[in-house]
PDB file of N, CA and C in Angstrom:
ATOM      1  N   MET A   1      -9.413 -25.750 -37.558  1.00  0.00           N
ATOM      2  CA  MET A   1     -10.304 -26.784 -38.038  1.00  0.00           C
ATOM      3  C   MET A   1     -10.258 -26.790 -39.561  1.00  0.00           C
ATOM      4  N   THR A   2     -10.173 -27.985 -40.122  1.00  0.00           N
ATOM      5  CA  THR A   2     -10.179 -28.128 -41.571  1.00  0.00           C
ATOM      6  C   THR A   2     -11.464 -28.832 -41.999  1.00  0.00           C
ATOM      7  N   ALA A   3     -11.722 -28.831 -43.289  1.00  0.00           N
ATOM      8  CA  ALA A   3     -12.938 -29.455 -43.819  1.00  0.00           C
ATOM      9  C   ALA A   3     -12.989 -30.954 -43.518  1.00  0.00           C
ATOM     10  N   SER A   4     -11.842 -31.586 -43.311  1.00  0.00           N
ATOM     11  CA  SER A   4     -11.821 -33.027 -43.040  1.00  0.00           C
ATOM     12  C   SER A   4     -11.958 -33.367 -41.558  1.00  0.00           C
ATOM     13  N   ASP A   5     -11.918 -32.358 -40.679  1.00  0.00           N
ATOM     14  CA  ASP A   5     -12.077 -32.607 -39.242  1.00  0.00           C
ATOM     15  C   ASP A   5     -13.495 -33.078 -38.953  1.00  0.00           C
ATOM     16  N   PRO A   6     -13.652 -33.994 -37.996  1.00  0.00           N
ATOM     17  CA  PRO A   6     -15.004 -34.440 -37.634  1.00  0.00           C
ATOM     18  C   PRO A   6     -15.774 -33.345 -36.910  1.00  0.00           C
ATOM     19  N   ILE A   7     -17.069 -33.394 -37.016  1.00  0.00           N
ATOM     20  CA  ILE A   7     -17.934 -32.528 -36.222  1.00  0.00           C
ATOM     21  C   ILE A   7     -18.561 -33.427 -35.175  1.00  0.00           C
ATOM     22  N   TYR A   8     -18.392 -33.063 -33.915  1.00  0.00           N
ATOM     23  CA  TYR A   8     -18.863 -33.891 -32.806  1.00  0.00           C
ATOM     24  C   TYR A   8     -20.317 -33.584 -32.488  1.00  0.00           C
ATOM     25  N   GLU A   9     -21.005 -34.611 -32.020  1.00  0.00           N
ATOM     26  CA  GLU A   9     -22.432 -34.527 -31.731  1.00  0.00           C
ATOM     27  C   GLU A   9     -22.690 -34.923 -30.275  1.00  0.00           C
ATOM     28  N   PRO A  10     -23.887 -34.619 -29.754  1.00  0.00           N
ATOM     29  CA  PRO A  10     -24.212 -35.029 -28.389  1.00  0.00           C
ATOM     30  C   PRO A  10     -24.015 -36.545 -28.219  1.00  0.00           C
ATOM     31  N   GLY A  11     -23.341 -36.904 -27.141  1.00  0.00           N
ATOM     32  CA  GLY A  11     -23.052 -38.310 -26.873  1.00  0.00           C
ATOM     33  C   GLY A  11     -21.626 -38.701 -27.191  1.00  0.00           C
ATOM     34  N   ASP A  12     -20.941 -37.887 -28.008  1.00  0.00           N
ATOM     35  CA  ASP A  12     -19.540 -38.170 -28.292  1.00  0.00           C
ATOM     36  C   ASP A  12     -18.703 -37.822 -27.065  1.00  0.00           C
ATOM     37  N   VAL A  13     -17.770 -38.698 -26.741  1.00  0.00           N
ATOM     38  CA  VAL A  13     -16.808 -38.422 -25.675  1.00  0.00           C
ATOM     39  C   VAL A  13     -15.482 -38.153 -26.357  1.00  0.00           C
ATOM     40  N   VAL A  14     -14.912 -37.001 -26.048  1.00  0.00           N
ATOM     41  CA  VAL A  14     -13.649 -36.589 -26.640  1.00  0.00           C
ATOM     42  C   VAL A  14     -12.634 -36.383 -25.524  1.00  0.00           C
ATOM     43  N   TYR A  15     -11.372 -36.396 -25.897  1.00  0.00           N
ATOM     44  CA  TYR A  15     -10.298 -36.166 -24.942  1.00  0.00           C
ATOM     45  C   TYR A  15      -9.617 -34.870 -25.335  1.00  0.00           C
ATOM     46  N   GLY A  16      -9.521 -33.945 -24.364  1.00  0.00           N
ATOM     47  CA  GLY A  16      -8.928 -32.661 -24.705  1.00  0.00           C
ATOM     48  C   GLY A  16      -8.565 -31.832 -23.493  1.00  0.00           C
ATOM     49  N   ASP A  17      -8.177 -30.613 -23.762  1.00  0.00           N
ATOM     50  CA  ASP A  17      -7.669 -29.686 -22.741  1.00  0.00           C
ATOM     51  C   ASP A  17      -8.579 -29.598 -21.516  1.00  0.00           C
ATOM     52  N   ASP A  18      -7.946 -29.506 -20.355  1.00  0.00           N
ATOM     53  CA  ASP A  18      -8.660 -29.340 -19.094  1.00  0.00           C
ATOM     54  C   ASP A  18      -8.237 -28.023 -18.453  1.00  0.00           C
ATOM     55  N   PRO A  19      -9.039 -26.971 -18.622  1.00  0.00           N
ATOM     56  CA  PRO A  19      -8.666 -25.673 -18.062  1.00  0.00           C
ATOM     57  C   PRO A  19      -8.668 -25.652 -16.539  1.00  0.00           C
ATOM     58  N   TYR A  20      -9.293 -26.654 -15.910  1.00  0.00           N
ATOM     59  CA  TYR A  20      -9.351 -26.701 -14.449  1.00  0.00           C
ATOM     60  C   TYR A  20      -8.036 -27.164 -13.841  1.00  0.00           C
ATOM     61  N   LYS A  21      -7.214 -27.867 -14.626  1.00  0.00           N
ATOM     62  CA  LYS A  21      -5.975 -28.417 -14.089  1.00  0.00           C
ATOM     63  C   LYS A  21      -4.728 -27.687 -14.556  1.00  0.00           C
ATOM     64  N   GLY A  22      -4.856 -26.783 -15.499  1.00  0.00           N
ATOM     65  CA  GLY A  22      -3.704 -25.980 -15.894  1.00  0.00           C
ATOM     66  C   GLY A  22      -2.844 -26.588 -16.977  1.00  0.00           C
ATOM     67  N   ASN A  23      -1.573 -26.239 -16.948  1.00  0.00           N
ATOM     68  CA  ASN A  23      -0.601 -26.509 -18.007  1.00  0.00           C
ATOM     69  C   ASN A  23      -0.678 -27.910 -18.595  1.00  0.00           C
ATOM     70  N   GLU A  24      -1.050 -27.945 -19.870  1.00  0.00           N
ATOM     71  CA  GLU A  24      -0.992 -29.174 -20.655  1.00  0.00           C
ATOM     72  C   GLU A  24      -1.832 -30.336 -20.122  1.00  0.00           C
ATOM     73  N   ALA A  25      -2.725 -30.105 -19.181  1.00  0.00           N
ATOM     74  CA  ALA A  25      -3.561 -31.184 -18.651  1.00  0.00           C
ATOM     75  C   ALA A  25      -4.716 -31.446 -19.614  1.00  0.00           C
ATOM     76  N   ALA A  26      -5.156 -32.691 -19.650  1.00  0.00           N
ATOM     77  CA  ALA A  26      -6.280 -33.062 -20.508  1.00  0.00           C
ATOM     78  C   ALA A  26      -7.144 -34.079 -19.778  1.00  0.00           C
ATOM     79  N   ARG A  27      -8.380 -34.246 -20.281  1.00  0.00           N
ATOM     80  CA  ARG A  27      -9.324 -35.182 -19.670  1.00  0.00           C
ATOM     81  C   ARG A  27     -10.401 -35.522 -20.688  1.00  0.00           C
ATOM     82  N   PRO A  28     -11.227 -36.535 -20.401  1.00  0.00           N
ATOM     83  CA  PRO A  28     -12.360 -36.818 -21.291  1.00  0.00           C
ATOM     84  C   PRO A  28     -13.529 -35.875 -21.004  1.00  0.00           C
ATOM     85  N   TRP A  29     -14.257 -35.529 -22.064  1.00  0.00           N
ATOM     86  CA  TRP A  29     -15.408 -34.641 -22.006  1.00  0.00           C
ATOM     87  C   TRP A  29     -16.562 -35.260 -22.783  1.00  0.00           C
ATOM     88  N   LEU A  30     -17.773 -35.104 -22.274  1.00  0.00           N
ATOM     89  CA  LEU A  30     -18.977 -35.529 -22.991  1.00  0.00           C
ATOM     90  C   LEU A  30     -19.559 -34.325 -23.711  1.00  0.00           C
ATOM     91  N   ILE A  31     -19.674 -34.407 -25.026  1.00  0.00           N
ATOM     92  CA  ILE A  31     -20.292 -33.339 -25.803  1.00  0.00           C
ATOM     93  C   ILE A  31     -21.802 -33.384 -25.557  1.00  0.00           C
ATOM     94  N   VAL A  32     -22.373 -32.250 -25.140  1.00  0.00           N
ATOM     95  CA  VAL A  32     -23.813 -32.179 -24.892  1.00  0.00           C
ATOM     96  C   VAL A  32     -24.515 -31.160 -25.787  1.00  0.00           C
ATOM     97  N   SER A  33     -23.756 -30.310 -26.462  1.00  0.00           N
ATOM     98  CA  SER A  33     -24.395 -29.312 -27.329  1.00  0.00           C
ATOM     99  C   SER A  33     -24.885 -29.980 -28.605  1.00  0.00           C
ATOM    100  N   ASN A  34     -25.996 -29.446 -29.108  1.00  0.00           N
ATOM    101  CA  ASN A  34     -26.498 -29.968 -30.373  1.00  0.00           C
ATOM    102  C   ASN A  34     -26.250 -28.949 -31.467  1.00  0.00           C
ATOM    103  N   HIS A  35     -26.531 -29.322 -32.680  1.00  0.00           N
ATOM    104  CA  HIS A  35     -26.243 -28.434 -33.805  1.00  0.00           C
ATOM    105  C   HIS A  35     -27.378 -27.471 -34.111  1.00  0.00           C
ATOM    106  N   GLU A  36     -28.549 -27.745 -33.613  1.00  0.00           N
ATOM    107  CA  GLU A  36     -29.698 -26.925 -33.962  1.00  0.00           C
ATOM    108  C   GLU A  36     -29.688 -25.604 -33.194  1.00  0.00           C
ATOM    109  N   GLY A  37     -29.374 -24.561 -33.892  1.00  0.00           N
ATOM    110  CA  GLY A  37     -29.436 -23.234 -33.297  1.00  0.00           C
ATOM    111  C   GLY A  37     -28.230 -22.820 -32.481  1.00  0.00           C
ATOM    112  N   GLN A  38     -27.252 -23.697 -32.296  1.00  0.00           N
ATOM    113  CA  GLN A  38     -26.090 -23.306 -31.509  1.00  0.00           C
ATOM    114  C   GLN A  38     -25.090 -22.575 -32.387  1.00  0.00           C
ATOM    115  N   PRO A  39     -24.720 -21.367 -31.999  1.00  0.00           N
ATOM    116  CA  PRO A  39     -23.697 -20.650 -32.768  1.00  0.00           C
ATOM    117  C   PRO A  39     -22.368 -21.414 -32.753  1.00  0.00           C
ATOM    118  N   PHE A  40     -21.666 -21.374 -33.846  1.00  0.00           N
ATOM    119  CA  PHE A  40     -20.317 -21.935 -33.981  1.00  0.00           C
ATOM    120  C   PHE A  40     -20.258 -23.454 -33.850  1.00  0.00           C
ATOM    121  N   HIS A  41     -21.380 -24.147 -34.110  1.00  0.00           N
ATOM    122  CA  HIS A  41     -21.350 -25.609 -34.035  1.00  0.00           C
ATOM    123  C   HIS A  41     -20.287 -26.139 -35.004  1.00  0.00           C
ATOM    124  N   GLY A  42     -19.493 -27.064 -34.520  1.00  0.00           N
ATOM    125  CA  GLY A  42     -18.380 -27.595 -35.292  1.00  0.00           C
ATOM    126  C   GLY A  42     -17.068 -26.897 -34.976  1.00  0.00           C
ATOM    127  N   GLU A  43     -17.163 -25.703 -34.420  1.00  0.00           N
ATOM    128  CA  GLU A  43     -15.969 -24.963 -34.007  1.00  0.00           C
ATOM    129  C   GLU A  43     -15.849 -24.898 -32.492  1.00  0.00           C
ATOM    130  N   GLN A  44     -16.994 -24.994 -31.813  1.00  0.00           N
ATOM    131  CA  GLN A  44     -17.046 -24.866 -30.354  1.00  0.00           C
ATOM    132  C   GLN A  44     -18.165 -25.762 -29.840  1.00  0.00           C
ATOM    133  N   TYR A  45     -17.918 -26.422 -28.708  1.00  0.00           N
ATOM    134  CA  TYR A  45     -18.877 -27.384 -28.154  1.00  0.00           C
ATOM    135  C   TYR A  45     -19.089 -27.138 -26.661  1.00  0.00           C
ATOM    136  N   ILE A  46     -20.305 -27.382 -26.200  1.00  0.00           N
ATOM    137  CA  ILE A  46     -20.591 -27.400 -24.761  1.00  0.00           C
ATOM    138  C   ILE A  46     -20.363 -28.828 -24.304  1.00  0.00           C
ATOM    139  N   ALA A  47     -19.567 -28.991 -23.240  1.00  0.00           N
ATOM    140  CA  ALA A  47     -19.181 -30.326 -22.797  1.00  0.00           C
ATOM    141  C   ALA A  47     -19.209 -30.430 -21.276  1.00  0.00           C
ATOM    142  N   LEU A  48     -19.465 -31.651 -20.798  1.00  0.00           N
ATOM    143  CA  LEU A  48     -19.413 -31.968 -19.370  1.00  0.00           C
ATOM    144  C   LEU A  48     -18.200 -32.844 -19.109  1.00  0.00           C
ATOM    145  N   SER A  49     -17.556 -32.604 -17.987  1.00  0.00           N
ATOM    146  CA  SER A  49     -16.346 -33.323 -17.619  1.00  0.00           C
ATOM    147  C   SER A  49     -16.659 -34.734 -17.122  1.00  0.00           C
ATOM    148  N   LEU A  50     -15.751 -35.652 -17.402  1.00  0.00           N
ATOM    149  CA  LEU A  50     -15.793 -36.991 -16.829  1.00  0.00           C
ATOM    150  C   LEU A  50     -14.709 -37.103 -15.765  1.00  0.00           C
ATOM    151  N   THR A  51     -14.939 -37.963 -14.784  1.00  0.00           N
ATOM    152  CA  THR A  51     -13.969 -38.194 -13.722  1.00  0.00           C
ATOM    153  C   THR A  51     -13.998 -39.665 -13.319  1.00  0.00           C
ATOM    154  N   THR A  52     -12.928 -40.105 -12.674  1.00  0.00           N
ATOM    155  CA  THR A  52     -12.913 -41.440 -12.075  1.00  0.00           C
ATOM    156  C   THR A  52     -13.200 -41.369 -10.580  1.00  0.00           C
ATOM    157  N   GLN A  53     -13.345 -40.162 -10.056  1.00  0.00           N
ATOM    158  CA  GLN A  53     -13.621 -39.975  -8.628  1.00  0.00           C
ATOM    159  C   GLN A  53     -14.980 -40.573  -8.267  1.00  0.00           C
ATOM    160  N   THR A  54     -15.123 -41.013  -7.034  1.00  0.00           N
ATOM    161  CA  THR A  54     -16.389 -41.607  -6.593  1.00  0.00           C
ATOM    162  C   THR A  54     -16.938 -40.956  -5.335  1.00  0.00           C
ATOM    163  N   TRP A  55     -16.192 -40.075  -4.708  1.00  0.00           N
ATOM    164  CA  TRP A  55     -16.560 -39.563  -3.392  1.00  0.00           C
ATOM    165  C   TRP A  55     -17.505 -38.374  -3.420  1.00  0.00           C
ATOM    166  N   MET A  56     -17.735 -37.760  -4.572  1.00  0.00           N
ATOM    167  CA  MET A  56     -18.592 -36.575  -4.632  1.00  0.00           C
ATOM    168  C   MET A  56     -20.048 -36.962  -4.846  1.00  0.00           C
ATOM    169  N   ASP A  57     -20.948 -36.288  -4.153  1.00  0.00           N
ATOM    170  CA  ASP A  57     -22.373 -36.461  -4.413  1.00  0.00           C
ATOM    171  C   ASP A  57     -22.729 -35.788  -5.727  1.00  0.00           C
ATOM    172  N   GLY A  58     -23.700 -36.335  -6.428  1.00  0.00           N
ATOM    173  CA  GLY A  58     -24.197 -35.721  -7.648  1.00  0.00           C
ATOM    174  C   GLY A  58     -23.528 -36.191  -8.925  1.00  0.00           C
ATOM    175  N   LEU A  59     -22.533 -37.070  -8.812  1.00  0.00           N
ATOM    176  CA  LEU A  59     -21.896 -37.611 -10.008  1.00  0.00           C
ATOM    177  C   LEU A  59     -22.831 -38.623 -10.672  1.00  0.00           C
ATOM    178  N   ILE A  60     -22.745 -38.729 -11.985  1.00  0.00           N
ATOM    179  CA  ILE A  60     -23.593 -39.648 -12.742  1.00  0.00           C
ATOM    180  C   ILE A  60     -22.714 -40.755 -13.303  1.00  0.00           C
ATOM    181  N   LYS A  61     -22.914 -41.981 -12.799  1.00  0.00           N
ATOM    182  CA  LYS A  61     -22.093 -43.112 -13.230  1.00  0.00           C
ATOM    183  C   LYS A  61     -22.413 -43.474 -14.674  1.00  0.00           C
ATOM    184  N   ILE A  62     -21.365 -43.754 -15.434  1.00  0.00           N
ATOM    185  CA  ILE A  62     -21.529 -44.222 -16.810  1.00  0.00           C
ATOM    186  C   ILE A  62     -21.270 -45.727 -16.801  1.00  0.00           C
ATOM    187  N   ASP A  63     -22.335 -46.498 -16.850  1.00  0.00           N
ATOM    188  CA  ASP A  63     -22.209 -47.953 -16.835  1.00  0.00           C
ATOM    189  C   ASP A  63     -21.535 -48.450 -18.112  1.00  0.00           C
ATOM    190  N   ALA A  64     -20.887 -49.594 -18.022  1.00  0.00           N
ATOM    191  CA  ALA A  64     -20.169 -50.159 -19.174  1.00  0.00           C
ATOM    192  C   ALA A  64     -21.096 -50.356 -20.368  1.00  0.00           C
ATOM    193  N   ASP A  65     -22.343 -50.746 -20.109  1.00  0.00           N
ATOM    194  CA  ASP A  65     -23.263 -50.975 -21.232  1.00  0.00           C
ATOM    195  C   ASP A  65     -23.813 -49.681 -21.832  1.00  0.00           C
ATOM    196  N   ALA A  66     -23.502 -48.522 -21.222  1.00  0.00           N
ATOM    197  CA  ALA A  66     -23.911 -47.230 -21.784  1.00  0.00           C
ATOM    198  C   ALA A  66     -22.968 -46.777 -22.895  1.00  0.00           C
ATOM    199  N   TRP A  67     -21.804 -47.412 -22.984  1.00  0.00           N
ATOM    200  CA  TRP A  67     -20.849 -47.074 -24.046  1.00  0.00           C
ATOM    201  C   TRP A  67     -21.274 -47.787 -25.319  1.00  0.00           C
ATOM    202  N   LEU A  68     -21.630 -47.021 -26.339  1.00  0.00           N
ATOM    203  CA  LEU A  68     -22.013 -47.593 -27.627  1.00  0.00           C
ATOM    204  C   LEU A  68     -20.781 -47.908 -28.467  1.00  0.00           C
ATOM    205  N   HIS A  69     -19.731 -47.106 -28.307  1.00  0.00           N
ATOM    206  CA  HIS A  69     -18.437 -47.290 -28.967  1.00  0.00           C
ATOM    207  C   HIS A  69     -17.369 -46.770 -28.018  1.00  0.00           C
ATOM    208  N   GLY A  70     -16.207 -47.387 -28.057  1.00  0.00           N
ATOM    209  CA  GLY A  70     -15.095 -46.901 -27.251  1.00  0.00           C
ATOM    210  C   GLY A  70     -15.325 -47.113 -25.772  1.00  0.00           C
ATOM    211  N   GLY A  71     -14.741 -46.237 -24.968  1.00  0.00           N
ATOM    212  CA  GLY A  71     -14.871 -46.330 -23.520  1.00  0.00           C
ATOM    213  C   GLY A  71     -13.723 -45.624 -22.833  1.00  0.00           C
ATOM    214  N   THR A  72     -13.646 -45.844 -21.535  1.00  0.00           N
ATOM    215  CA  THR A  72     -12.555 -45.296 -20.733  1.00  0.00           C
ATOM    216  C   THR A  72     -11.858 -46.454 -20.029  1.00  0.00           C
ATOM    217  N   PRO A  73     -10.570 -46.303 -19.711  1.00  0.00           N
ATOM    218  CA  PRO A  73      -9.846 -47.393 -19.073  1.00  0.00           C
ATOM    219  C   PRO A  73     -10.355 -47.714 -17.661  1.00  0.00           C
ATOM    220  N   ASP A  74     -10.909 -46.722 -16.977  1.00  0.00           N
ATOM    221  CA  ASP A  74     -11.452 -46.911 -15.634  1.00  0.00           C
ATOM    222  C   ASP A  74     -12.917 -46.502 -15.636  1.00  0.00           C
ATOM    223  N   ASP A  75     -13.675 -46.974 -14.630  1.00  0.00           N
ATOM    224  CA  ASP A  75     -15.063 -46.536 -14.498  1.00  0.00           C
ATOM    225  C   ASP A  75     -15.104 -45.017 -14.436  1.00  0.00           C
ATOM    226  N   SER A  76     -16.048 -44.433 -15.171  1.00  0.00           N
ATOM    227  CA  SER A  76     -16.135 -42.981 -15.223  1.00  0.00           C
ATOM    228  C   SER A  76     -17.508 -42.496 -14.810  1.00  0.00           C
ATOM    229  N   ARG A  77     -17.533 -41.241 -14.402  1.00  0.00           N
ATOM    230  CA  ARG A  77     -18.762 -40.565 -14.003  1.00  0.00           C
ATOM    231  C   ARG A  77     -18.766 -39.179 -14.610  1.00  0.00           C
ATOM    232  N   LEU A  78     -19.970 -38.670 -14.864  1.00  0.00           N
ATOM    233  CA  LEU A  78     -20.111 -37.289 -15.329  1.00  0.00           C
ATOM    234  C   LEU A  78     -20.129 -36.348 -14.141  1.00  0.00           C
ATOM    235  N   ILE A  79     -19.540 -35.204 -14.298  1.00  0.00           N
ATOM    236  CA  ILE A  79     -19.638 -34.127 -13.320  1.00  0.00           C
ATOM    237  C   ILE A  79     -20.535 -33.070 -13.956  1.00  0.00           C
ATOM    238  N   PRO A  80     -21.827 -33.076 -13.656  1.00  0.00           N
ATOM    239  CA  PRO A  80     -22.747 -32.199 -14.387  1.00  0.00           C
ATOM    240  C   PRO A  80     -22.532 -30.714 -14.135  1.00  0.00           C
ATOM    241  N   TRP A  81     -21.833 -30.349 -13.083  1.00  0.00           N
ATOM    242  CA  TRP A  81     -21.575 -28.924 -12.825  1.00  0.00           C
ATOM    243  C   TRP A  81     -20.240 -28.472 -13.425  1.00  0.00           C
ATOM    244  N   ALA A  82     -19.450 -29.386 -13.944  1.00  0.00           N
ATOM    245  CA  ALA A  82     -18.164 -29.047 -14.567  1.00  0.00           C
ATOM    246  C   ALA A  82     -18.378 -28.928 -16.073  1.00  0.00           C
ATOM    247  N   VAL A  83     -18.903 -27.800 -16.462  1.00  0.00           N
ATOM    248  CA  VAL A  83     -19.259 -27.559 -17.864  1.00  0.00           C
ATOM    249  C   VAL A  83     -18.200 -26.659 -18.497  1.00  0.00           C
ATOM    250  N   GLN A  84     -17.947 -26.894 -19.765  1.00  0.00           N
ATOM    251  CA  GLN A  84     -16.896 -26.157 -20.450  1.00  0.00           C
ATOM    252  C   GLN A  84     -17.316 -25.915 -21.898  1.00  0.00           C
ATOM    253  N   SER A  85     -16.897 -24.808 -22.435  1.00  0.00           N
ATOM    254  CA  SER A  85     -17.033 -24.548 -23.859  1.00  0.00           C
ATOM    255  C   SER A  85     -15.700 -24.914 -24.503  1.00  0.00           C
ATOM    256  N   LEU A  86     -15.680 -26.051 -25.184  1.00  0.00           N
ATOM    257  CA  LEU A  86     -14.441 -26.545 -25.794  1.00  0.00           C
ATOM    258  C   LEU A  86     -14.323 -26.061 -27.228  1.00  0.00           C
ATOM    259  N   ASP A  87     -13.183 -25.497 -27.552  1.00  0.00           N
ATOM    260  CA  ASP A  87     -12.889 -25.153 -28.922  1.00  0.00           C
ATOM    261  C   ASP A  87     -12.488 -26.431 -29.662  1.00  0.00           C
ATOM    262  N   HIS A  88     -12.852 -26.535 -30.922  1.00  0.00           N
ATOM    263  CA  HIS A  88     -12.524 -27.740 -31.688  1.00  0.00           C
ATOM    264  C   HIS A  88     -11.023 -28.043 -31.631  1.00  0.00           C
ATOM    265  N   ASP A  89     -10.199 -27.009 -31.669  1.00  0.00           N
ATOM    266  CA  ASP A  89      -8.748 -27.201 -31.641  1.00  0.00           C
ATOM    267  C   ASP A  89      -8.232 -27.677 -30.285  1.00  0.00           C
ATOM    268  N   ASP A  90      -9.057 -27.612 -29.245  1.00  0.00           N
ATOM    269  CA  ASP A  90      -8.673 -28.102 -27.916  1.00  0.00           C
ATOM    270  C   ASP A  90      -8.913 -29.600 -27.755  1.00  0.00           C
ATOM    271  N   ILE A  91      -9.530 -30.231 -28.743  1.00  0.00           N
ATOM    272  CA  ILE A  91      -9.844 -31.656 -28.689  1.00  0.00           C
ATOM    273  C   ILE A  91      -8.711 -32.435 -29.342  1.00  0.00           C
ATOM    274  N   ASP A  92      -8.171 -33.395 -28.587  1.00  0.00           N
ATOM    275  CA  ASP A  92      -7.075 -34.219 -29.098  1.00  0.00           C
ATOM    276  C   ASP A  92      -7.587 -35.389 -29.931  1.00  0.00           C
ATOM    277  N   TYR A  93      -8.632 -36.074 -29.446  1.00  0.00           N
ATOM    278  CA  TYR A  93      -9.173 -37.208 -30.202  1.00  0.00           C
ATOM    279  C   TYR A  93     -10.552 -37.607 -29.684  1.00  0.00           C
ATOM    280  N   TRP A  94     -11.264 -38.352 -30.513  1.00  0.00           N
ATOM    281  CA  TRP A  94     -12.564 -38.932 -30.181  1.00  0.00           C
ATOM    282  C   TRP A  94     -12.310 -40.195 -29.381  1.00  0.00           C
ATOM    283  N   GLN A  95     -12.972 -40.335 -28.236  1.00  0.00           N
ATOM    284  CA  GLN A  95     -12.732 -41.482 -27.356  1.00  0.00           C
ATOM    285  C   GLN A  95     -13.851 -42.509 -27.428  1.00  0.00           C
ATOM    286  N   GLY A  96     -15.057 -42.074 -27.783  1.00  0.00           N
ATOM    287  CA  GLY A  96     -16.161 -43.014 -27.862  1.00  0.00           C
ATOM    288  C   GLY A  96     -17.492 -42.297 -27.912  1.00  0.00           C
ATOM    289  N   ARG A  97     -18.536 -43.086 -27.708  1.00  0.00           N
ATOM    290  CA  ARG A  97     -19.893 -42.540 -27.739  1.00  0.00           C
ATOM    291  C   ARG A  97     -20.720 -43.252 -26.680  1.00  0.00           C
ATOM    292  N   VAL A  98     -21.535 -42.463 -25.950  1.00  0.00           N
ATOM    293  CA  VAL A  98     -22.414 -43.025 -24.930  1.00  0.00           C
ATOM    294  C   VAL A  98     -23.871 -42.896 -25.367  1.00  0.00           C
ATOM    295  N   ALA A  99     -24.719 -43.662 -24.711  1.00  0.00           N
ATOM    296  CA  ALA A  99     -26.148 -43.683 -25.018  1.00  0.00           C
ATOM    297  C   ALA A  99     -26.811 -42.346 -24.705  1.00  0.00           C
ATOM    298  N   ASP A 100     -27.905 -42.090 -25.397  1.00  0.00           N
ATOM    299  CA  ASP A 100     -28.640 -40.835 -25.230  1.00  0.00           C
ATOM    300  C   ASP A 100     -29.110 -40.610 -23.796  1.00  0.00           C
ATOM    301  N   ASP A 101     -29.412 -41.691 -23.069  1.00  0.00           N
ATOM    302  CA  ASP A 101     -29.902 -41.494 -21.701  1.00  0.00           C
ATOM    303  C   ASP A 101     -28.819 -40.930 -20.780  1.00  0.00           C
ATOM    304  N   VAL A 102     -27.551 -41.177 -21.073  1.00  0.00           N
ATOM    305  CA  VAL A 102     -26.456 -40.578 -20.306  1.00  0.00           C
ATOM    306  C   VAL A 102     -26.393 -39.081 -20.588  1.00  0.00           C
ATOM    307  N   VAL A 103     -26.530 -38.714 -21.857  1.00  0.00           N
ATOM    308  CA  VAL A 103     -26.541 -37.293 -22.232  1.00  0.00           C
ATOM    309  C   VAL A 103     -27.715 -36.599 -21.551  1.00  0.00           C
ATOM    310  N   ALA A 104     -28.883 -37.231 -21.593  1.00  0.00           N
ATOM    311  CA  ALA A 104     -30.078 -36.643 -20.971  1.00  0.00           C
ATOM    312  C   ALA A 104     -29.895 -36.482 -19.464  1.00  0.00           C
ATOM    313  N   ALA A 105     -29.326 -37.483 -18.814  1.00  0.00           N
ATOM    314  CA  ALA A 105     -29.110 -37.396 -17.362  1.00  0.00           C
ATOM    315  C   ALA A 105     -28.150 -36.253 -17.035  1.00  0.00           C
ATOM    316  N   GLY A 106     -27.091 -36.111 -17.815  1.00  0.00           N
ATOM    317  CA  GLY A 106     -26.129 -35.042 -17.578  1.00  0.00           C
ATOM    318  C   GLY A 106     -26.715 -33.658 -17.815  1.00  0.00           C
ATOM    319  N   THR A 107     -27.448 -33.498 -18.906  1.00  0.00           N
ATOM    320  CA  THR A 107     -28.029 -32.180 -19.188  1.00  0.00           C
ATOM    321  C   THR A 107     -29.164 -31.853 -18.230  1.00  0.00           C
ATOM    322  N   ASP A 108     -29.953 -32.851 -17.836  1.00  0.00           N
ATOM    323  CA  ASP A 108     -31.013 -32.606 -16.849  1.00  0.00           C
ATOM    324  C   ASP A 108     -30.417 -32.141 -15.527  1.00  0.00           C
ATOM    325  N   ALA A 109     -29.327 -32.798 -15.096  1.00  0.00           N
ATOM    326  CA  ALA A 109     -28.670 -32.398 -13.841  1.00  0.00           C
ATOM    327  C   ALA A 109     -28.086 -30.994 -13.962  1.00  0.00           C
ATOM    328  N   LEU A 110     -27.470 -30.682 -15.093  1.00  0.00           N
ATOM    329  CA  LEU A 110     -26.919 -29.342 -15.306  1.00  0.00           C
ATOM    330  C   LEU A 110     -28.017 -28.289 -15.237  1.00  0.00           C
ATOM    331  N   ILE A 111     -29.144 -28.564 -15.864  1.00  0.00           N
ATOM    332  CA  ILE A 111     -30.271 -27.619 -15.838  1.00  0.00           C
ATOM    333  C   ILE A 111     -30.727 -27.379 -14.405  1.00  0.00           C
ATOM    334  N   GLU A 112     -30.769 -28.412 -13.593  1.00  0.00           N
ATOM    335  CA  GLU A 112     -31.163 -28.245 -12.190  1.00  0.00           C
ATOM    336  C   GLU A 112     -30.180 -27.355 -11.432  1.00  0.00           C
ATOM    337  N   TYR A 113     -28.899 -27.453 -11.771  1.00  0.00           N
ATOM    338  CA  TYR A 113     -27.893 -26.625 -11.111  1.00  0.00           C
ATOM    339  C   TYR A 113     -28.020 -25.156 -11.484  1.00  0.00           C
ATOM    340  N   VAL A 114     -28.494 -24.854 -12.690  1.00  0.00           N
ATOM    341  CA  VAL A 114     -28.536 -23.474 -13.140  1.00  0.00           C
ATOM    342  C   VAL A 114     -29.951 -22.890 -13.160  1.00  0.00           C
ATOM    343  N   ARG A 115     -30.955 -23.720 -12.862  1.00  0.00           N
ATOM    344  CA  ARG A 115     -32.326 -23.237 -12.869  1.00  0.00           C
ATOM    345  C   ARG A 115     -32.493 -22.179 -11.786  1.00  0.00           C
ATOM    346  N   PHE A 116     -33.091 -21.085 -12.145  1.00  0.00           N
ATOM    347  CA  PHE A 116     -33.297 -19.968 -11.223  1.00  0.00           C
ATOM    348  C   PHE A 116     -34.600 -20.114 -10.486  1.00  0.00           C
TER     349      PHE A 116
END
């Protein structure tokens, strides 16, 4: 990471490495980590995976009007249980930005999955 690299914020959708698919695979990710109190902010991000799949229960649809900037070529959904810690160097590019209510829906669902 260099001083000119962007720092991503909650709601940014980035395209980068997909450790679930192996060699050289990549996918879009929704950044959900915030900068307040998170160690290594700007170097590492907590992100939720996006998918075009529709058959799984629990996916959160991202409506076209939820995209504030950019978008995806196909309808996308969040997978709230597919969480990843992305290193800044694993991100290929910024793909867009979604509304805060999408971020809230994804993080609320993730919290429900991990709540003890």
